[in-house]
Structure formats: structure tokens, C-alpha cells
Amino acid sequence: MIDSSELRKQISIFIPLSDWRAIREEAARRGVPMTELCRQWMANDLKRLRNSQASPSLD
């Protein structure tokens, strides 16, 4: 879930047109914007990343 009170930044990536089309088609199939589909795909990795940054390292 996105915290609406947190400041937000945009990221951009370059991908092959064929990948962009595949993402667009999948988003349309699911009835969500491409941005939301990408957020969904990134959610678990972002959660893991946030958790690893919140925990002090034992190194």
C-alpha cells in the first residue's frame, strides 16, 4: 500500500518496445494502468528492501 503522506518521486526506465507492448497488453487484460501493474510486480521486492534497510546489519 502506498502511504499518500510520503513524498513521492518518479522513476523512468528504457525497455524494448516489445516489452512495453507486452506490459501494456497485460495491464489492459487486468484492467489496470501500466504504472499500477508495475507497482504490483515490484511490491514484494520493495517490501523486502524496506525490511532489510530497517534492520541493523550484524556484519
C-alpha atoms as a PDB file:
ATOM      1  CA  MET A   1       0.000   0.000   0.000  1.00  0.00           C
ATOM      2  CA  ILE A   2       1.265   3.459  -0.844  1.00  0.00           C
ATOM      3  CA  ASP A   3       1.476   5.966   2.009  1.00  0.00           C
ATOM      4  CA  SER A   4      -0.131   9.072   0.480  1.00  0.00           C
ATOM      5  CA  SER A   5       1.530  11.337   3.059  1.00  0.00           C
ATOM      6  CA  GLU A   6       5.034  10.296   1.979  1.00  0.00           C
ATOM      7  CA  LEU A   7       6.846  12.391  -0.624  1.00  0.00           C
ATOM      8  CA  ARG A   8       6.952  10.671  -3.989  1.00  0.00           C
ATOM      9  CA  LYS A   9       9.454  10.537  -6.845  1.00  0.00           C
ATOM     10  CA  GLN A  10       9.064   9.231 -10.359  1.00  0.00           C
ATOM     11  CA  ILE A  11      11.431   6.773 -11.996  1.00  0.00           C
ATOM     12  CA  SER A  12      11.851   6.058 -15.688  1.00  0.00           C
ATOM     13  CA  ILE A  13      13.390   3.097 -17.406  1.00  0.00           C
ATOM     14  CA  PHE A  14      14.074   2.265 -21.013  1.00  0.00           C
ATOM     15  CA  ILE A  15      12.821  -1.114 -22.196  1.00  0.00           C
ATOM     16  CA  PRO A  16      12.448  -2.651 -25.639  1.00  0.00           C
ATOM     17  CA  LEU A  17       9.249  -1.688 -27.425  1.00  0.00           C
ATOM     18  CA  SER A  18       8.194  -5.349 -27.489  1.00  0.00           C
ATOM     19  CA  ASP A  19       8.388  -5.479 -23.667  1.00  0.00           C
ATOM     20  CA  TRP A  20       6.465  -2.206 -23.378  1.00  0.00           C
ATOM     21  CA  ARG A  21       3.722  -3.636 -25.602  1.00  0.00           C
ATOM     22  CA  ALA A  22       3.564  -6.827 -23.540  1.00  0.00           C
ATOM     23  CA  ILE A  23       3.218  -4.800 -20.327  1.00  0.00           C
ATOM     24  CA  ARG A  24       0.555  -2.612 -21.909  1.00  0.00           C
ATOM     25  CA  GLU A  25      -1.407  -5.663 -23.069  1.00  0.00           C
ATOM     26  CA  GLU A  26      -1.179  -7.323 -19.633  1.00  0.00           C
ATOM     27  CA  ALA A  27      -2.291  -4.120 -17.913  1.00  0.00           C
ATOM     28  CA  ALA A  28      -5.266  -3.873 -20.283  1.00  0.00           C
ATOM     29  CA  ARG A  29      -6.123  -7.523 -19.666  1.00  0.00           C
ATOM     30  CA  ARG A  30      -6.151  -6.863 -15.907  1.00  0.00           C
ATOM     31  CA  GLY A  31      -7.967  -3.545 -16.305  1.00  0.00           C
ATOM     32  CA  VAL A  32      -5.277  -1.510 -14.515  1.00  0.00           C
ATOM     33  CA  PRO A  33      -2.909   1.254 -15.645  1.00  0.00           C
ATOM     34  CA  MET A  34       0.596   0.161 -16.646  1.00  0.00           C
ATOM     35  CA  THR A  35       2.005   2.066 -13.669  1.00  0.00           C
ATOM     36  CA  GLU A  36      -0.176   0.120 -11.245  1.00  0.00           C
ATOM     37  CA  LEU A  37       0.806  -3.184 -12.821  1.00  0.00           C
ATOM     38  CA  CYS A  38       4.487  -2.319 -12.403  1.00  0.00           C
ATOM     39  CA  ARG A  39       3.845  -1.292  -8.774  1.00  0.00           C
ATOM     40  CA  GLN A  40       2.175  -4.640  -8.138  1.00  0.00           C
ATOM     41  CA  TRP A  41       5.106  -6.505  -9.660  1.00  0.00           C
ATOM     42  CA  MET A  42       7.591  -4.524  -7.549  1.00  0.00           C
ATOM     43  CA  ALA A  43       5.642  -4.710  -4.259  1.00  0.00           C
ATOM     44  CA  ASN A  44       7.258  -7.835  -2.738  1.00  0.00           C
ATOM     45  CA  ASP A  45      10.785  -6.787  -3.636  1.00  0.00           C
ATOM     46  CA  LEU A  46      10.186  -3.295  -2.255  1.00  0.00           C
ATOM     47  CA  LYS A  47       8.797  -4.731   0.983  1.00  0.00           C
ATOM     48  CA  ARG A  48      11.873  -6.943   1.330  1.00  0.00           C
ATOM     49  CA  LEU A  49      14.158  -3.993   0.565  1.00  0.00           C
ATOM     50  CA  ARG A  50      12.436  -1.765   3.139  1.00  0.00           C
ATOM     51  CA  ASN A  51      12.670  -4.506   5.762  1.00  0.00           C
ATOM     52  CA  SER A  52      16.370  -5.084   5.103  1.00  0.00           C
ATOM     53  CA  GLN A  53      17.085  -1.360   5.422  1.00  0.00           C
ATOM     54  CA  ALA A  54      15.104  -1.108   8.668  1.00  0.00           C
ATOM     55  CA  SER A  55      17.034  -3.945  10.307  1.00  0.00           C
ATOM     56  CA  PRO A  56      20.554  -3.193  11.528  1.00  0.00           C
ATOM     57  CA  SER A  57      23.205  -5.308   9.878  1.00  0.00           C
ATOM     58  CA  LEU A  58      25.011  -7.897  12.010  1.00  0.00           C
ATOM     59  CA  ASP A  59      28.190  -7.748   9.906  1.00  0.00           C
END
